[in-house]
Amino acid sequence: MKKRILILDDEPTNRALIIHLLSRDYELFLFEDGLQGLTWLESGNKVDLVITDLEMPKMDGFEFISRVSNDPRFQNIGMVLTSSLEEEEVSKRLKCKRPYLQKPLEPFMLKSTLSEMLE
């Protein structure tokens, strides 16, 4: 059975790249912002991992991470962060350490990060 990954990114180009790179190996669920993703999770859907952009409309990745991290239903979901923000800035704003991939995404780094987290 394929691992299930929730992808949150408002950029169509980034979503298309992720679909191209991962759809063969994983079951993907894509949304344009954190609010859509959180609503989907709260409705009972399960995933093994979330890849979230940090800069999105309606609910950004920082808010999404905070809400998911504080909900016991989602404690076992791994998260990978993506953004064009500098890693230093991301570290300052987050209260916990998460794998971070700088945009533009590098295919090998994305695949190897996911492989490590999902094994």
PDB file of N, CA and C in Angstrom:
ATOM      1  N   MET A   1       0.834  -1.191   0.000  1.00  0.00           N
ATOM      2  CA  MET A   1       0.000   0.000   0.000  1.00  0.00           C
ATOM      3  C   MET A   1       0.876   1.251   0.000  1.00  0.00           C
ATOM      4  N   LYS A   2       0.527   2.198  -0.841  1.00  0.00           N
ATOM      5  CA  LYS A   2       1.309   3.429  -0.944  1.00  0.00           C
ATOM      6  C   LYS A   2       1.131   4.298   0.294  1.00  0.00           C
ATOM      7  N   LYS A   3       2.215   4.966   0.701  1.00  0.00           N
ATOM      8  CA  LYS A   3       2.134   5.953   1.772  1.00  0.00           C
ATOM      9  C   LYS A   3       1.349   7.148   1.246  1.00  0.00           C
ATOM     10  N   ARG A   4       0.640   7.794   2.168  1.00  0.00           N
ATOM     11  CA  ARG A   4      -0.233   8.924   1.807  1.00  0.00           C
ATOM     12  C   ARG A   4       0.418  10.234   2.243  1.00  0.00           C
ATOM     13  N   ILE A   5       0.480  11.195   1.307  1.00  0.00           N
ATOM     14  CA  ILE A   5       1.118  12.485   1.574  1.00  0.00           C
ATOM     15  C   ILE A   5       0.154  13.618   1.249  1.00  0.00           C
ATOM     16  N   LEU A   6       0.009  14.524   2.221  1.00  0.00           N
ATOM     17  CA  LEU A   6      -0.768  15.747   2.034  1.00  0.00           C
ATOM     18  C   LEU A   6       0.195  16.843   1.618  1.00  0.00           C
ATOM     19  N   ILE A   7      -0.107  17.526   0.516  1.00  0.00           N
ATOM     20  CA  ILE A   7       0.747  18.587  -0.005  1.00  0.00           C
ATOM     21  C   ILE A   7      -0.027  19.896   0.026  1.00  0.00           C
ATOM     22  N   LEU A   8       0.566  20.892   0.673  1.00  0.00           N
ATOM     23  CA  LEU A   8      -0.045  22.216   0.774  1.00  0.00           C
ATOM     24  C   LEU A   8       0.879  23.226   0.114  1.00  0.00           C
ATOM     25  N   ASP A   9       0.443  23.788  -0.995  1.00  0.00           N
ATOM     26  CA  ASP A   9       1.251  24.775  -1.712  1.00  0.00           C
ATOM     27  C   ASP A   9       0.327  25.570  -2.628  1.00  0.00           C
ATOM     28  N   ASP A  10       0.427  26.889  -2.570  1.00  0.00           N
ATOM     29  CA  ASP A  10      -0.457  27.731  -3.378  1.00  0.00           C
ATOM     30  C   ASP A  10       0.043  27.926  -4.803  1.00  0.00           C
ATOM     31  N   GLU A  11       1.245  27.506  -5.097  1.00  0.00           N
ATOM     32  CA  GLU A  11       1.804  27.688  -6.441  1.00  0.00           C
ATOM     33  C   GLU A  11       1.541  26.477  -7.328  1.00  0.00           C
ATOM     34  N   PRO A  12       0.783  26.644  -8.407  1.00  0.00           N
ATOM     35  CA  PRO A  12       0.495  25.523  -9.307  1.00  0.00           C
ATOM     36  C   PRO A  12       1.757  24.845  -9.850  1.00  0.00           C
ATOM     37  N   THR A  13       2.792  25.624 -10.112  1.00  0.00           N
ATOM     38  CA  THR A  13       4.033  25.058 -10.643  1.00  0.00           C
ATOM     39  C   THR A  13       4.672  24.106  -9.638  1.00  0.00           C
ATOM     40  N   ASN A  14       4.673  24.494  -8.364  1.00  0.00           N
ATOM     41  CA  ASN A  14       5.247  23.631  -7.328  1.00  0.00           C
ATOM     42  C   ASN A  14       4.423  22.358  -7.163  1.00  0.00           C
ATOM     43  N   ARG A  15       3.098  22.488  -7.182  1.00  0.00           N
ATOM     44  CA  ARG A  15       2.245  21.300  -7.071  1.00  0.00           C
ATOM     45  C   ARG A  15       2.483  20.363  -8.248  1.00  0.00           C
ATOM     46  N   ALA A  16       2.607  20.914  -9.443  1.00  0.00           N
ATOM     47  CA  ALA A  16       2.845  20.094 -10.641  1.00  0.00           C
ATOM     48  C   ALA A  16       4.177  19.352 -10.541  1.00  0.00           C
ATOM     49  N   LEU A  17       5.206  20.035 -10.041  1.00  0.00           N
ATOM     50  CA  LEU A  17       6.516  19.400  -9.878  1.00  0.00           C
ATOM     51  C   LEU A  17       6.427  18.248  -8.872  1.00  0.00           C
ATOM     52  N   ILE A  18       5.770  18.481  -7.760  1.00  0.00           N
ATOM     53  CA  ILE A  18       5.651  17.453  -6.727  1.00  0.00           C
ATOM     54  C   ILE A  18       4.858  16.258  -7.252  1.00  0.00           C
ATOM     55  N   ILE A  19       3.774  16.525  -7.975  1.00  0.00           N
ATOM     56  CA  ILE A  19       3.000  15.434  -8.573  1.00  0.00           C
ATOM     57  C   ILE A  19       3.883  14.623  -9.508  1.00  0.00           C
ATOM     58  N   HIS A  20       4.624  15.314 -10.353  1.00  0.00           N
ATOM     59  CA  HIS A  20       5.505  14.647 -11.306  1.00  0.00           C
ATOM     60  C   HIS A  20       6.535  13.764 -10.591  1.00  0.00           C
ATOM     61  N   LEU A  21       7.107  14.266  -9.516  1.00  0.00           N
ATOM     62  CA  LEU A  21       8.170  13.548  -8.811  1.00  0.00           C
ATOM     63  C   LEU A  21       7.663  12.413  -7.926  1.00  0.00           C
ATOM     64  N   LEU A  22       6.469  12.558  -7.370  1.00  0.00           N
ATOM     65  CA  LEU A  22       6.054  11.634  -6.306  1.00  0.00           C
ATOM     66  C   LEU A  22       4.849  10.755  -6.605  1.00  0.00           C
ATOM     67  N   SER A  23       4.062  11.066  -7.620  1.00  0.00           N
ATOM     68  CA  SER A  23       2.791  10.360  -7.811  1.00  0.00           C
ATOM     69  C   SER A  23       2.953   8.868  -8.108  1.00  0.00           C
ATOM     70  N   ARG A  24       4.072   8.473  -8.618  1.00  0.00           N
ATOM     71  CA  ARG A  24       4.298   7.058  -8.906  1.00  0.00           C
ATOM     72  C   ARG A  24       4.460   6.244  -7.617  1.00  0.00           C
ATOM     73  N   ASP A  25       5.079   6.856  -6.606  1.00  0.00           N
ATOM     74  CA  ASP A  25       5.432   6.128  -5.384  1.00  0.00           C
ATOM     75  C   ASP A  25       4.511   6.380  -4.194  1.00  0.00           C
ATOM     76  N   TYR A  26       3.730   7.460  -4.242  1.00  0.00           N
ATOM     77  CA  TYR A  26       2.908   7.842  -3.093  1.00  0.00           C
ATOM     78  C   TYR A  26       1.498   8.218  -3.543  1.00  0.00           C
ATOM     79  N   GLU A  27       0.551   8.109  -2.614  1.00  0.00           N
ATOM     80  CA  GLU A  27      -0.799   8.607  -2.850  1.00  0.00           C
ATOM     81  C   GLU A  27      -0.818  10.064  -2.372  1.00  0.00           C
ATOM     82  N   LEU A  28      -1.108  10.993  -3.271  1.00  0.00           N
ATOM     83  CA  LEU A  28      -0.996  12.420  -2.982  1.00  0.00           C
ATOM     84  C   LEU A  28      -2.362  13.095  -2.855  1.00  0.00           C
ATOM     85  N   PHE A  29      -2.430  14.043  -1.923  1.00  0.00           N
ATOM     86  CA  PHE A  29      -3.622  14.869  -1.715  1.00  0.00           C
ATOM     87  C   PHE A  29      -3.149  16.313  -1.687  1.00  0.00           C
ATOM     88  N   LEU A  30      -3.634  17.137  -2.601  1.00  0.00           N
ATOM     89  CA  LEU A  30      -3.110  18.484  -2.767  1.00  0.00           C
ATOM     90  C   LEU A  30      -4.145  19.553  -2.478  1.00  0.00           C
ATOM     91  N   PHE A  31      -3.699  20.587  -1.756  1.00  0.00           N
ATOM     92  CA  PHE A  31      -4.536  21.736  -1.464  1.00  0.00           C
ATOM     93  C   PHE A  31      -3.700  23.004  -1.581  1.00  0.00           C
ATOM     94  N   GLU A  32      -4.392  24.138  -1.784  1.00  0.00           N
ATOM     95  CA  GLU A  32      -3.724  25.406  -2.038  1.00  0.00           C
ATOM     96  C   GLU A  32      -3.381  26.200  -0.790  1.00  0.00           C
ATOM     97  N   ASP A  33      -3.901  25.795   0.364  1.00  0.00           N
ATOM     98  CA  ASP A  33      -3.561  26.525   1.591  1.00  0.00           C
ATOM     99  C   ASP A  33      -3.766  25.633   2.806  1.00  0.00           C
ATOM    100  N   GLY A  34      -3.269  26.093   3.942  1.00  0.00           N
ATOM    101  CA  GLY A  34      -3.334  25.323   5.166  1.00  0.00           C
ATOM    102  C   GLY A  34      -4.745  25.107   5.671  1.00  0.00           C
ATOM    103  N   LEU A  35      -5.626  26.058   5.439  1.00  0.00           N
ATOM    104  CA  LEU A  35      -6.999  25.924   5.905  1.00  0.00           C
ATOM    105  C   LEU A  35      -7.698  24.749   5.215  1.00  0.00           C
ATOM    106  N   GLN A  36      -7.523  24.637   3.898  1.00  0.00           N
ATOM    107  CA  GLN A  36      -8.106  23.517   3.161  1.00  0.00           C
ATOM    108  C   GLN A  36      -7.542  22.184   3.667  1.00  0.00           C
ATOM    109  N   GLY A  37      -6.232  22.153   3.876  1.00  0.00           N
ATOM    110  CA  GLY A  37      -5.581  20.936   4.350  1.00  0.00           C
ATOM    111  C   GLY A  37      -6.033  20.550   5.746  1.00  0.00           C
ATOM    112  N   LEU A  38      -6.132  21.526   6.641  1.00  0.00           N
ATOM    113  CA  LEU A  38      -6.561  21.258   8.010  1.00  0.00           C
ATOM    114  C   LEU A  38      -8.018  20.771   8.030  1.00  0.00           C
ATOM    115  N   THR A  39      -8.870  21.404   7.258  1.00  0.00           N
ATOM    116  CA  THR A  39     -10.271  20.992   7.176  1.00  0.00           C
ATOM    117  C   THR A  39     -10.370  19.549   6.683  1.00  0.00           C
ATOM    118  N   TRP A  40      -9.565  19.217   5.691  1.00  0.00           N
ATOM    119  CA  TRP A  40      -9.549  17.860   5.139  1.00  0.00           C
ATOM    120  C   TRP A  40      -9.101  16.856   6.200  1.00  0.00           C
ATOM    121  N   LEU A  41      -8.041  17.175   6.942  1.00  0.00           N
ATOM    122  CA  LEU A  41      -7.576  16.287   8.011  1.00  0.00           C
ATOM    123  C   LEU A  41      -8.624  16.148   9.107  1.00  0.00           C
ATOM    124  N   GLU A  42      -9.209  17.261   9.505  1.00  0.00           N
ATOM    125  CA  GLU A  42     -10.193  17.247  10.593  1.00  0.00           C
ATOM    126  C   GLU A  42     -11.452  16.467  10.226  1.00  0.00           C
ATOM    127  N   SER A  43     -11.688  16.269   8.934  1.00  0.00           N
ATOM    128  CA  SER A  43     -12.865  15.512   8.516  1.00  0.00           C
ATOM    129  C   SER A  43     -12.611  14.003   8.562  1.00  0.00           C
ATOM    130  N   GLY A  44     -11.449  13.605   9.078  1.00  0.00           N
ATOM    131  CA  GLY A  44     -11.167  12.187   9.292  1.00  0.00           C
ATOM    132  C   GLY A  44     -10.194  11.554   8.321  1.00  0.00           C
ATOM    133  N   ASN A  45      -9.668  12.317   7.388  1.00  0.00           N
ATOM    134  CA  ASN A  45      -8.700  11.768   6.442  1.00  0.00           C
ATOM    135  C   ASN A  45      -7.358  11.557   7.128  1.00  0.00           C
ATOM    136  N   LYS A  46      -6.651  10.516   6.723  1.00  0.00           N
ATOM    137  CA  LYS A  46      -5.372  10.147   7.334  1.00  0.00           C
ATOM    138  C   LYS A  46      -4.247  10.228   6.301  1.00  0.00           C
ATOM    139  N   VAL A  47      -3.096  10.715   6.763  1.00  0.00           N
ATOM    140  CA  VAL A  47      -1.895  10.728   5.932  1.00  0.00           C
ATOM    141  C   VAL A  47      -0.696  10.309   6.777  1.00  0.00           C
ATOM    142  N   ASP A  48       0.368   9.925   6.096  1.00  0.00           N
ATOM    143  CA  ASP A  48       1.611   9.554   6.769  1.00  0.00           C
ATOM    144  C   ASP A  48       2.544  10.755   6.913  1.00  0.00           C
ATOM    145  N   LEU A  49       2.370  11.746   6.024  1.00  0.00           N
ATOM    146  CA  LEU A  49       3.304  12.867   5.983  1.00  0.00           C
ATOM    147  C   LEU A  49       2.615  14.073   5.362  1.00  0.00           C
ATOM    148  N   VAL A  50       3.058  15.259   5.760  1.00  0.00           N
ATOM    149  CA  VAL A  50       2.596  16.513   5.156  1.00  0.00           C
ATOM    150  C   VAL A  50       3.810  17.247   4.604  1.00  0.00           C
ATOM    151  N   ILE A  51       3.698  17.729   3.383  1.00  0.00           N
ATOM    152  CA  ILE A  51       4.678  18.666   2.821  1.00  0.00           C
ATOM    153  C   ILE A  51       3.944  19.994   2.746  1.00  0.00           C
ATOM    154  N   THR A  52       4.416  20.986   3.499  1.00  0.00           N
ATOM    155  CA  THR A  52       3.714  22.261   3.509  1.00  0.00           C
ATOM    156  C   THR A  52       4.631  23.425   3.177  1.00  0.00           C
ATOM    157  N   ASP A  53       4.131  24.261   2.284  1.00  0.00           N
ATOM    158  CA  ASP A  53       4.749  25.552   2.023  1.00  0.00           C
ATOM    159  C   ASP A  53       4.490  26.400   3.266  1.00  0.00           C
ATOM    160  N   LEU A  54       5.317  27.377   3.501  1.00  0.00           N
ATOM    161  CA  LEU A  54       5.129  28.229   4.673  1.00  0.00           C
ATOM    162  C   LEU A  54       4.398  29.522   4.344  1.00  0.00           C
ATOM    163  N   GLU A  55       4.466  29.960   3.096  1.00  0.00           N
ATOM    164  CA  GLU A  55       3.832  31.208   2.700  1.00  0.00           C
ATOM    165  C   GLU A  55       2.659  30.909   1.766  1.00  0.00           C
ATOM    166  N   MET A  56       1.435  30.938   2.345  1.00  0.00           N
ATOM    167  CA  MET A  56       0.218  30.656   1.588  1.00  0.00           C
ATOM    168  C   MET A  56      -0.884  31.597   2.066  1.00  0.00           C
ATOM    169  N   PRO A  57      -1.914  31.793   1.230  1.00  0.00           N
ATOM    170  CA  PRO A  57      -3.055  32.612   1.657  1.00  0.00           C
ATOM    171  C   PRO A  57      -3.927  31.858   2.663  1.00  0.00           C
ATOM    172  N   LYS A  58      -4.885  32.544   3.235  1.00  0.00           N
ATOM    173  CA  LYS A  58      -5.880  32.026   4.183  1.00  0.00           C
ATOM    174  C   LYS A  58      -5.244  31.492   5.461  1.00  0.00           C
ATOM    175  N   MET A  59      -4.455  30.425   5.386  1.00  0.00           N
ATOM    176  CA  MET A  59      -3.727  29.902   6.540  1.00  0.00           C
ATOM    177  C   MET A  59      -2.345  29.488   6.051  1.00  0.00           C
ATOM    178  N   ASP A  60      -1.322  30.180   6.566  1.00  0.00           N
ATOM    179  CA  ASP A  60       0.038  29.846   6.123  1.00  0.00           C
ATOM    180  C   ASP A  60       0.529  28.571   6.803  1.00  0.00           C
ATOM    181  N   GLY A  61       1.697  28.120   6.389  1.00  0.00           N
ATOM    182  CA  GLY A  61       2.267  26.899   6.926  1.00  0.00           C
ATOM    183  C   GLY A  61       2.590  26.983   8.407  1.00  0.00           C
ATOM    184  N   PHE A  62       2.995  28.148   8.876  1.00  0.00           N
ATOM    185  CA  PHE A  62       3.306  28.311  10.300  1.00  0.00           C
ATOM    186  C   PHE A  62       2.059  28.043  11.157  1.00  0.00           C
ATOM    187  N   GLU A  63       0.943  28.633  10.763  1.00  0.00           N
ATOM    188  CA  GLU A  63      -0.318  28.430  11.489  1.00  0.00           C
ATOM    189  C   GLU A  63      -0.771  26.978  11.380  1.00  0.00           C
ATOM    190  N   PHE A  64      -0.657  26.401  10.180  1.00  0.00           N
ATOM    191  CA  PHE A  64      -1.042  25.004   9.976  1.00  0.00           C
ATOM    192  C   PHE A  64      -0.241  24.096  10.904  1.00  0.00           C
ATOM    193  N   ILE A  65       1.064  24.292  10.953  1.00  0.00           N
ATOM    194  CA  ILE A  65       1.936  23.470  11.802  1.00  0.00           C
ATOM    195  C   ILE A  65       1.537  23.617  13.268  1.00  0.00           C
ATOM    196  N   SER A  66       1.282  24.828  13.696  1.00  0.00           N
ATOM    197  CA  SER A  66       0.888  25.071  15.077  1.00  0.00           C
ATOM    198  C   SER A  66      -0.409  24.333  15.409  1.00  0.00           C
ATOM    199  N   ARG A  67      -1.387  24.439  14.542  1.00  0.00           N
ATOM    200  CA  ARG A  67      -2.689  23.810  14.801  1.00  0.00           C
ATOM    201  C   ARG A  67      -2.576  22.287  14.800  1.00  0.00           C
ATOM    202  N   VAL A  68      -1.865  21.738  13.833  1.00  0.00           N
ATOM    203  CA  VAL A  68      -1.722  20.282  13.737  1.00  0.00           C
ATOM    204  C   VAL A  68      -0.888  19.743  14.895  1.00  0.00           C
ATOM    205  N   SER A  69       0.173  20.448  15.247  1.00  0.00           N
ATOM    206  CA  SER A  69       1.056  20.001  16.332  1.00  0.00           C
ATOM    207  C   SER A  69       0.348  19.978  17.677  1.00  0.00           C
ATOM    208  N   ASN A  70      -0.650  20.825  17.858  1.00  0.00           N
ATOM    209  CA  ASN A  70      -1.368  20.898  19.125  1.00  0.00           C
ATOM    210  C   ASN A  70      -2.624  20.032  19.164  1.00  0.00           C
ATOM    211  N   ASP A  71      -2.842  19.241  18.132  1.00  0.00           N
ATOM    212  CA  ASP A  71      -4.013  18.379  18.073  1.00  0.00           C
ATOM    213  C   ASP A  71      -3.567  16.919  18.232  1.00  0.00           C
ATOM    214  N   PRO A  72      -3.981  16.242  19.299  1.00  0.00           N
ATOM    215  CA  PRO A  72      -3.547  14.861  19.545  1.00  0.00           C
ATOM    216  C   PRO A  72      -3.861  13.893  18.404  1.00  0.00           C
ATOM    217  N   ARG A  73      -4.874  14.188  17.604  1.00  0.00           N
ATOM    218  CA  ARG A  73      -5.218  13.301  16.486  1.00  0.00           C
ATOM    219  C   ARG A  73      -4.109  13.229  15.439  1.00  0.00           C
ATOM    220  N   PHE A  74      -3.267  14.251  15.399  1.00  0.00           N
ATOM    221  CA  PHE A  74      -2.284  14.346  14.315  1.00  0.00           C
ATOM    222  C   PHE A  74      -0.837  14.222  14.797  1.00  0.00           C
ATOM    223  N   GLN A  75      -0.629  13.739  16.013  1.00  0.00           N
ATOM    224  CA  GLN A  75       0.709  13.684  16.603  1.00  0.00           C
ATOM    225  C   GLN A  75       1.695  12.820  15.817  1.00  0.00           C
ATOM    226  N   ASN A  76       1.217  11.821  15.111  1.00  0.00           N
ATOM    227  CA  ASN A  76       2.122  10.896  14.423  1.00  0.00           C
ATOM    228  C   ASN A  76       2.374  11.244  12.958  1.00  0.00           C
ATOM    229  N   ILE A  77       1.918  12.405  12.530  1.00  0.00           N
ATOM    230  CA  ILE A  77       2.118  12.808  11.139  1.00  0.00           C
ATOM    231  C   ILE A  77       3.446  13.557  11.025  1.00  0.00           C
ATOM    232  N   GLY A  78       4.330  13.069  10.154  1.00  0.00           N
ATOM    233  CA  GLY A  78       5.579  13.766   9.882  1.00  0.00           C
ATOM    234  C   GLY A  78       5.330  14.975   9.009  1.00  0.00           C
ATOM    235  N   MET A  79       6.235  15.960   9.094  1.00  0.00           N
ATOM    236  CA  MET A  79       6.077  17.168   8.283  1.00  0.00           C
ATOM    237  C   MET A  79       7.402  17.586   7.661  1.00  0.00           C
ATOM    238  N   VAL A  80       7.315  18.003   6.403  1.00  0.00           N
ATOM    239  CA  VAL A  80       8.439  18.589   5.692  1.00  0.00           C
ATOM    240  C   VAL A  80       8.008  19.986   5.279  1.00  0.00           C
ATOM    241  N   LEU A  81       8.840  20.962   5.568  1.00  0.00           N
ATOM    242  CA  LEU A  81       8.537  22.351   5.259  1.00  0.00           C
ATOM    243  C   LEU A  81       9.253  22.773   3.998  1.00  0.00           C
ATOM    244  N   THR A  82       8.576  23.582   3.182  1.00  0.00           N
ATOM    245  CA  THR A  82       9.200  24.143   1.985  1.00  0.00           C
ATOM    246  C   THR A  82       8.908  25.637   1.952  1.00  0.00           C
ATOM    247  N   SER A  83       9.865  26.403   1.457  1.00  0.00           N
ATOM    248  CA  SER A  83       9.658  27.844   1.346  1.00  0.00           C
ATOM    249  C   SER A  83      10.841  28.474   0.629  1.00  0.00           C
ATOM    250  N   SER A  84      10.608  29.694   0.175  1.00  0.00           N
ATOM    251  CA  SER A  84      11.711  30.477  -0.365  1.00  0.00           C
ATOM    252  C   SER A  84      12.366  31.302   0.743  1.00  0.00           C
ATOM    253  N   LEU A  85      11.790  31.257   1.948  1.00  0.00           N
ATOM    254  CA  LEU A  85      12.390  31.957   3.093  1.00  0.00           C
ATOM    255  C   LEU A  85      13.730  31.319   3.457  1.00  0.00           C
ATOM    256  N   GLU A  86      14.605  32.118   4.027  1.00  0.00           N
ATOM    257  CA  GLU A  86      15.885  31.592   4.494  1.00  0.00           C
ATOM    258  C   GLU A  86      15.645  30.679   5.694  1.00  0.00           C
ATOM    259  N   GLU A  87      16.444  29.632   5.806  1.00  0.00           N
ATOM    260  CA  GLU A  87      16.264  28.658   6.880  1.00  0.00           C
ATOM    261  C   GLU A  87      16.373  29.294   8.264  1.00  0.00           C
ATOM    262  N   GLU A  88      17.242  30.294   8.414  1.00  0.00           N
ATOM    263  CA  GLU A  88      17.385  31.000   9.695  1.00  0.00           C
ATOM    264  C   GLU A  88      16.070  31.633  10.128  1.00  0.00           C
ATOM    265  N   GLU A  89      15.406  32.298   9.188  1.00  0.00           N
ATOM    266  CA  GLU A  89      14.136  32.954   9.484  1.00  0.00           C
ATOM    267  C   GLU A  89      13.075  31.931   9.889  1.00  0.00           C
ATOM    268  N   VAL A  90      13.051  30.802   9.190  1.00  0.00           N
ATOM    269  CA  VAL A  90      12.094  29.742   9.501  1.00  0.00           C
ATOM    270  C   VAL A  90      12.352  29.203  10.901  1.00  0.00           C
ATOM    271  N   SER A  91      13.606  28.958  11.227  1.00  0.00           N
ATOM    272  CA  SER A  91      13.964  28.428  12.553  1.00  0.00           C
ATOM    273  C   SER A  91      13.532  29.367  13.667  1.00  0.00           C
ATOM    274  N   LYS A  92      13.670  30.664  13.453  1.00  0.00           N
ATOM    275  CA  LYS A  92      13.276  31.643  14.466  1.00  0.00           C
ATOM    276  C   LYS A  92      11.769  31.622  14.720  1.00  0.00           C
ATOM    277  N   ARG A  93      10.987  31.397  13.662  1.00  0.00           N
ATOM    278  CA  ARG A  93       9.531  31.463  13.782  1.00  0.00           C
ATOM    279  C   ARG A  93       8.889  30.159  14.260  1.00  0.00           C
ATOM    280  N   LEU A  94       9.600  29.049  14.121  1.00  0.00           N
ATOM    281  CA  LEU A  94       9.047  27.761  14.538  1.00  0.00           C
ATOM    282  C   LEU A  94       9.524  27.409  15.937  1.00  0.00           C
ATOM    283  N   LYS A  95       8.680  26.726  16.677  1.00  0.00           N
ATOM    284  CA  LYS A  95       9.037  26.311  18.027  1.00  0.00           C
ATOM    285  C   LYS A  95       9.628  24.906  18.048  1.00  0.00           C
ATOM    286  N   CYS A  96       9.586  24.220  16.917  1.00  0.00           N
ATOM    287  CA  CYS A  96      10.116  22.864  16.853  1.00  0.00           C
ATOM    288  C   CYS A  96      10.903  22.676  15.558  1.00  0.00           C
ATOM    289  N   LYS A  97      11.818  21.761  15.584  1.00  0.00           N
ATOM    290  CA  LYS A  97      12.667  21.488  14.427  1.00  0.00           C
ATOM    291  C   LYS A  97      11.943  20.542  13.468  1.00  0.00           C
ATOM    292  N   ARG A  98      11.900  20.899  12.215  1.00  0.00           N
ATOM    293  CA  ARG A  98      11.290  20.087  11.158  1.00  0.00           C
ATOM    294  C   ARG A  98      12.219  20.088   9.950  1.00  0.00           C
ATOM    295  N   PRO A  99      12.195  19.009   9.147  1.00  0.00           N
ATOM    296  CA  PRO A  99      12.974  19.023   7.906  1.00  0.00           C
ATOM    297  C   PRO A  99      12.523  20.196   7.032  1.00  0.00           C
ATOM    298  N   TYR A 100      13.496  20.903   6.470  1.00  0.00           N
ATOM    299  CA  TYR A 100      13.218  22.101   5.683  1.00  0.00           C
ATOM    300  C   TYR A 100      13.910  22.001   4.331  1.00  0.00           C
ATOM    301  N   LEU A 101      13.151  22.265   3.271  1.00  0.00           N
ATOM    302  CA  LEU A 101      13.701  22.280   1.915  1.00  0.00           C
ATOM    303  C   LEU A 101      13.474  23.649   1.304  1.00  0.00           C
ATOM    304  N   GLN A 102      14.550  24.263   0.889  1.00  0.00           N
ATOM    305  CA  GLN A 102      14.511  25.592   0.273  1.00  0.00           C
ATOM    306  C   GLN A 102      13.960  25.469  -1.145  1.00  0.00           C
ATOM    307  N   LYS A 103      13.102  26.410  -1.526  1.00  0.00           N
ATOM    308  CA  LYS A 103      12.612  26.487  -2.905  1.00  0.00           C
ATOM    309  C   LYS A 103      13.580  27.298  -3.738  1.00  0.00           C
ATOM    310  N   PRO A 104      13.743  26.989  -5.010  1.00  0.00           N
ATOM    311  CA  PRO A 104      13.047  25.942  -5.734  1.00  0.00           C
ATOM    312  C   PRO A 104      13.481  24.550  -5.246  1.00  0.00           C
ATOM    313  N   LEU A 105      12.529  23.633  -5.216  1.00  0.00           N
ATOM    314  CA  LEU A 105      12.793  22.298  -4.711  1.00  0.00           C
ATOM    315  C   LEU A 105      13.775  21.556  -5.602  1.00  0.00           C
ATOM    316  N   GLU A 106      14.687  20.862  -4.959  1.00  0.00           N
ATOM    317  CA  GLU A 106      15.659  20.028  -5.655  1.00  0.00           C
ATOM    318  C   GLU A 106      15.122  18.597  -5.598  1.00  0.00           C
ATOM    319  N   PRO A 107      14.815  17.990  -6.725  1.00  0.00           N
ATOM    320  CA  PRO A 107      14.170  16.676  -6.742  1.00  0.00           C
ATOM    321  C   PRO A 107      14.845  15.612  -5.881  1.00  0.00           C
ATOM    322  N   PHE A 108      16.165  15.490  -5.974  1.00  0.00           N
ATOM    323  CA  PHE A 108      16.857  14.458  -5.193  1.00  0.00           C
ATOM    324  C   PHE A 108      16.676  14.680  -3.701  1.00  0.00           C
ATOM    325  N   MET A 109      16.786  15.924  -3.240  1.00  0.00           N
ATOM    326  CA  MET A 109      16.639  16.219  -1.811  1.00  0.00           C
ATOM    327  C   MET A 109      15.213  15.924  -1.335  1.00  0.00           C
ATOM    328  N   LEU A 110      14.245  16.264  -2.142  1.00  0.00           N
ATOM    329  CA  LEU A 110      12.855  15.992  -1.773  1.00  0.00           C
ATOM    330  C   LEU A 110      12.640  14.488  -1.632  1.00  0.00           C
ATOM    331  N   LYS A 111      13.030  13.723  -2.628  1.00  0.00           N
ATOM    332  CA  LYS A 111      12.833  12.282  -2.578  1.00  0.00           C
ATOM    333  C   LYS A 111      13.595  11.618  -1.440  1.00  0.00           C
ATOM    334  N   SER A 112      14.824  12.029  -1.218  1.00  0.00           N
ATOM    335  CA  SER A 112      15.609  11.392  -0.147  1.00  0.00           C
ATOM    336  C   SER A 112      15.072  11.758   1.237  1.00  0.00           C
ATOM    337  N   THR A 113      14.605  12.994   1.404  1.00  0.00           N
ATOM    338  CA  THR A 113      14.003  13.398   2.680  1.00  0.00           C
ATOM    339  C   THR A 113      12.760  12.573   2.960  1.00  0.00           C
ATOM    340  N   LEU A 114      11.902  12.418   1.973  1.00  0.00           N
ATOM    341  CA  LEU A 114      10.673  11.641   2.149  1.00  0.00           C
ATOM    342  C   LEU A 114      10.989  10.183   2.431  1.00  0.00           C
ATOM    343  N   SER A 115      11.938   9.641   1.707  1.00  0.00           N
ATOM    344  CA  SER A 115      12.321   8.251   1.902  1.00  0.00           C
ATOM    345  C   SER A 115      12.793   8.004   3.338  1.00  0.00           C
ATOM    346  N   GLU A 116      13.618   8.903   3.849  1.00  0.00           N
ATOM    347  CA  GLU A 116      14.107   8.773   5.227  1.00  0.00           C
ATOM    348  C   GLU A 116      12.968   8.866   6.237  1.00  0.00           C
ATOM    349  N   MET A 117      12.052   9.782   6.023  1.00  0.00           N
ATOM    350  CA  MET A 117      10.976  10.005   6.989  1.00  0.00           C
ATOM    351  C   MET A 117       9.917   8.911   6.963  1.00  0.00           C
ATOM    352  N   LEU A 118       9.716   8.276   5.836  1.00  0.00           N
ATOM    353  CA  LEU A 118       8.631   7.314   5.709  1.00  0.00           C
ATOM    354  C   LEU A 118       9.048   5.868   5.900  1.00  0.00           C
ATOM    355  N   GLU A 119      10.315   5.625   6.171  1.00  0.00           N
ATOM    356  CA  GLU A 119      10.765   4.239   6.394  1.00  0.00           C
ATOM    357  C   GLU A 119      10.607   3.829   7.827  1.00  0.00           C
TER     358      GLU A 119
END
